[in-house]
C-alpha atoms as a PDB file:
ATOM      1  CA  MET A   1     -77.628 -51.422  28.634  1.00  0.00           C
ATOM      2  CA  THR A   2     -77.575 -48.144  30.441  1.00  0.00           C
ATOM      3  CA  ARG A   3     -74.204 -49.000  31.824  1.00  0.00           C
ATOM      4  CA  CYS A   4     -72.828 -49.961  28.406  1.00  0.00           C
ATOM      5  CA  ALA A   5     -74.174 -46.650  26.838  1.00  0.00           C
ATOM      6  CA  HIS A   6     -72.559 -44.681  29.667  1.00  0.00           C
ATOM      7  CA  HIS A   7     -69.293 -46.506  29.267  1.00  0.00           C
ATOM      8  CA  ALA A   8     -69.332 -45.923  25.483  1.00  0.00           C
ATOM      9  CA  GLY A   9     -70.234 -42.280  26.140  1.00  0.00           C
ATOM     10  CA  ARG A  10     -67.367 -42.004  28.483  1.00  0.00           C
ATOM     11  CA  ALA A  11     -64.960 -43.602  25.930  1.00  0.00           C
ATOM     12  CA  ALA A  12     -66.196 -41.173  23.340  1.00  0.00           C
ATOM     13  CA  ALA A  13     -65.689 -38.270  25.708  1.00  0.00           C
ATOM     14  CA  VAL A  14     -62.145 -39.525  26.502  1.00  0.00           C
ATOM     15  CA  ALA A  15     -61.416 -39.795  22.808  1.00  0.00           C
ATOM     16  CA  LEU A  16     -62.896 -36.375  22.192  1.00  0.00           C
ATOM     17  CA  GLY A  17     -60.784 -34.969  25.015  1.00  0.00           C
ATOM     18  CA  ALA A  18     -57.655 -36.540  23.621  1.00  0.00           C
ATOM     19  CA  THR A  19     -58.466 -35.128  20.220  1.00  0.00           C
ATOM     20  CA  LEU A  20     -58.930 -31.660  21.695  1.00  0.00           C
ATOM     21  CA  VAL A  21     -55.727 -31.882  23.684  1.00  0.00           C
ATOM     22  CA  THR A  22     -53.870 -32.973  20.574  1.00  0.00           C
ATOM     23  CA  SER A  23     -55.417 -30.194  18.519  1.00  0.00           C
ATOM     24  CA  ALA A  24     -54.577 -27.717  21.214  1.00  0.00           C
ATOM     25  CA  LEU A  25     -50.950 -28.858  21.288  1.00  0.00           C
ATOM     26  CA  ALA A  26     -50.731 -28.761  17.491  1.00  0.00           C
ATOM     27  CA  ALA A  27     -51.973 -25.157  17.480  1.00  0.00           C
ATOM     28  CA  CYS A  28     -49.319 -24.181  19.990  1.00  0.00           C
ATOM     29  CA  THR A  29     -46.437 -25.906  18.249  1.00  0.00           C
ATOM     30  CA  ALA A  30     -44.024 -23.620  16.496  1.00  0.00           C
ATOM     31  CA  SER A  31     -41.262 -24.425  14.152  1.00  0.00           C
ATOM     32  CA  VAL A  32     -38.002 -23.348  15.713  1.00  0.00           C
ATOM     33  CA  ASN A  33     -35.169 -22.508  13.344  1.00  0.00           C
ATOM     34  CA  LEU A  34     -31.611 -21.948  14.156  1.00  0.00           C
ATOM     35  CA  THR A  35     -30.940 -18.225  13.946  1.00  0.00           C
ATOM     36  CA  VAL A  36     -27.865 -16.081  13.760  1.00  0.00           C
ATOM     37  CA  ASP A  37     -27.352 -12.461  14.906  1.00  0.00           C
ATOM     38  CA  ALA A  38     -27.286 -10.173  11.968  1.00  0.00           C
ATOM     39  CA  ASP A  39     -23.990  -8.667  13.063  1.00  0.00           C
ATOM     40  CA  SER A  40     -22.396 -12.138  13.246  1.00  0.00           C
ATOM     41  CA  LEU A  41     -23.610 -12.974   9.769  1.00  0.00           C
ATOM     42  CA  ALA A  42     -22.320  -9.616   8.515  1.00  0.00           C
ATOM     43  CA  ASP A  43     -18.871 -10.407  10.029  1.00  0.00           C
ATOM     44  CA  LYS A  44     -18.778 -13.789   8.339  1.00  0.00           C
ATOM     45  CA  VAL A  45     -19.800 -12.261   4.995  1.00  0.00           C
ATOM     46  CA  ALA A  46     -17.238  -9.465   5.277  1.00  0.00           C
ATOM     47  CA  THR A  47     -14.511 -11.939   6.052  1.00  0.00           C
ATOM     48  CA  ALA A  48     -15.427 -14.173   3.161  1.00  0.00           C
ATOM     49  CA  LEU A  49     -15.411 -11.197   0.800  1.00  0.00           C
ATOM     50  CA  GLN A  50     -12.073 -10.008   2.115  1.00  0.00           C
ATOM     51  CA  GLU A  51     -10.526 -13.403   1.511  1.00  0.00           C
ATOM     52  CA  GLU A  52     -12.092 -13.727  -1.950  1.00  0.00           C
ATOM     53  CA  VAL A  53     -10.911 -10.286  -3.039  1.00  0.00           C
ATOM     54  CA  GLY A  54      -7.577 -10.403  -1.183  1.00  0.00           C
ATOM     55  CA  SER A  55      -7.949  -6.981   0.428  1.00  0.00           C
ATOM     56  CA  ASP A  56      -6.079  -5.801   3.527  1.00  0.00           C
ATOM     57  CA  ALA A  57      -9.321  -4.929   5.368  1.00  0.00           C
ATOM     58  CA  PRO A  58     -12.823  -6.373   5.261  1.00  0.00           C
ATOM     59  CA  PRO A  59     -15.630  -4.269   3.849  1.00  0.00           C
ATOM     60  CA  HIS A  60     -18.228  -2.797   6.262  1.00  0.00           C
ATOM     61  CA  MET A  61     -21.344  -4.924   6.177  1.00  0.00           C
ATOM     62  CA  ASP A  62     -24.761  -4.028   7.621  1.00  0.00           C
ATOM     63  CA  CYS A  63     -27.259  -6.785   7.650  1.00  0.00           C
ATOM     64  CA  GLY A  64     -29.906  -5.099   9.779  1.00  0.00           C
ATOM     65  CA  ASP A  65     -30.890  -5.691  13.396  1.00  0.00           C
ATOM     66  CA  GLU A  66     -33.109  -8.797  13.204  1.00  0.00           C
ATOM     67  CA  PRO A  67     -31.869 -12.335  13.727  1.00  0.00           C
ATOM     68  CA  VAL A  68     -31.562 -14.304  10.476  1.00  0.00           C
ATOM     69  CA  ASP A  69     -33.169 -17.786  10.205  1.00  0.00           C
ATOM     70  CA  ILE A  70     -30.523 -20.286   9.197  1.00  0.00           C
ATOM     71  CA  VAL A  71     -32.556 -22.329   6.725  1.00  0.00           C
ATOM     72  CA  VAL A  72     -31.717 -23.179   3.090  1.00  0.00           C
ATOM     73  CA  ASN A  73     -32.745 -20.430   0.660  1.00  0.00           C
ATOM     74  CA  GLU A  74     -33.233 -17.812   3.362  1.00  0.00           C
ATOM     75  CA  THR A  75     -32.072 -14.513   2.015  1.00  0.00           C
ATOM     76  CA  VAL A  76     -31.080 -11.263   3.617  1.00  0.00           C
ATOM     77  CA  VAL A  77     -30.171  -7.951   1.935  1.00  0.00           C
ATOM     78  CA  CYS A  78     -27.090  -6.383   3.517  1.00  0.00           C
ATOM     79  CA  ALA A  79     -25.403  -3.081   2.778  1.00  0.00           C
ATOM     80  CA  LEU A  80     -21.665  -3.163   1.783  1.00  0.00           C
ATOM     81  CA  SER A  81     -19.388  -0.175   1.968  1.00  0.00           C
ATOM     82  CA  VAL A  82     -15.677   0.359   1.933  1.00  0.00           C
ATOM     83  CA  ASP A  83     -13.517   2.795   3.929  1.00  0.00           C
ATOM     84  CA  GLY A  84     -12.852   5.968   1.959  1.00  0.00           C
ATOM     85  CA  GLU A  85     -15.862   5.555  -0.400  1.00  0.00           C
ATOM     86  CA  ASP A  86     -19.319   6.917  -0.123  1.00  0.00           C
ATOM     87  CA  ALA A  87     -20.869   4.212  -2.242  1.00  0.00           C
ATOM     88  CA  VAL A  88     -23.101   1.585  -0.621  1.00  0.00           C
ATOM     89  CA  TYR A  89     -23.875  -1.674  -2.490  1.00  0.00           C
ATOM     90  CA  ASP A  90     -26.803  -3.984  -1.907  1.00  0.00           C
ATOM     91  CA  THR A  91     -25.516  -7.414  -1.094  1.00  0.00           C
ATOM     92  CA  ILE A  92     -27.820 -10.395  -1.156  1.00  0.00           C
ATOM     93  CA  VAL A  93     -26.735 -13.216   1.217  1.00  0.00           C
ATOM     94  CA  THR A  94     -28.457 -16.594   0.667  1.00  0.00           C
ATOM     95  CA  ILE A  95     -28.083 -19.575   3.063  1.00  0.00           C
ATOM     96  CA  THR A  96     -27.137 -22.436   0.833  1.00  0.00           C
ATOM     97  CA  ALA A  97     -26.553 -25.315   3.243  1.00  0.00           C
ATOM     98  CA  VAL A  98     -27.201 -26.052   6.892  1.00  0.00           C
ATOM     99  CA  ASP A  99     -25.541 -28.792   8.928  1.00  0.00           C
ATOM    100  CA  GLY A 100     -26.481 -28.649  12.633  1.00  0.00           C
ATOM    101  CA  THR A 101     -25.184 -25.252  13.751  1.00  0.00           C
ATOM    102  CA  SER A 102     -22.910 -24.812  10.673  1.00  0.00           C
ATOM    103  CA  TYR A 103     -24.065 -23.126   7.554  1.00  0.00           C
ATOM    104  CA  ASP A 104     -22.896 -22.020   4.213  1.00  0.00           C
ATOM    105  CA  PHE A 105     -23.930 -18.944   2.219  1.00  0.00           C
ATOM    106  CA  SER A 106     -23.504 -17.299  -1.163  1.00  0.00           C
ATOM    107  CA  VAL A 107     -23.027 -13.627  -1.633  1.00  0.00           C
ATOM    108  CA  ASP A 108     -24.177 -11.549  -4.590  1.00  0.00           C
ATOM    109  CA  VAL A 109     -22.872  -7.870  -4.557  1.00  0.00           C
ATOM    110  CA  ALA A 110     -24.721  -5.398  -6.796  1.00  0.00           C
ATOM    111  CA  ASP A 111     -22.727  -4.101  -9.786  1.00  0.00           C
ATOM    112  CA  THR A 112     -23.800  -0.485  -9.126  1.00  0.00           C
ATOM    113  CA  PRO A 113     -24.235   1.370  -5.827  1.00  0.00           C
ATOM    114  CA  ARG A 114     -27.571   2.381  -4.453  1.00  0.00           C
END
């Protein structure tokens, strides 16, 4: 009986150890999202706006310095300006679709400058 109790205790200890290891691993797991450099996103947005408007040059876009998570509904506020004008417009860029490393976005430029 003593041997069975010891064996059962050891099984419980092994099960408890496995649970603790699993819990520790779960606590260390992080969700890793694809990210894009803010400057790269700004370039893509500027090119898309240039094509949509049909201008000779793209607008200047500043989307900050932090990498942007490429996940659906992620938004970033960028600043849009055009050569020869002092006005700066808030521009909201929203990630609308993600397929592997490719992504789509929508752009909403404010009607009035800051």
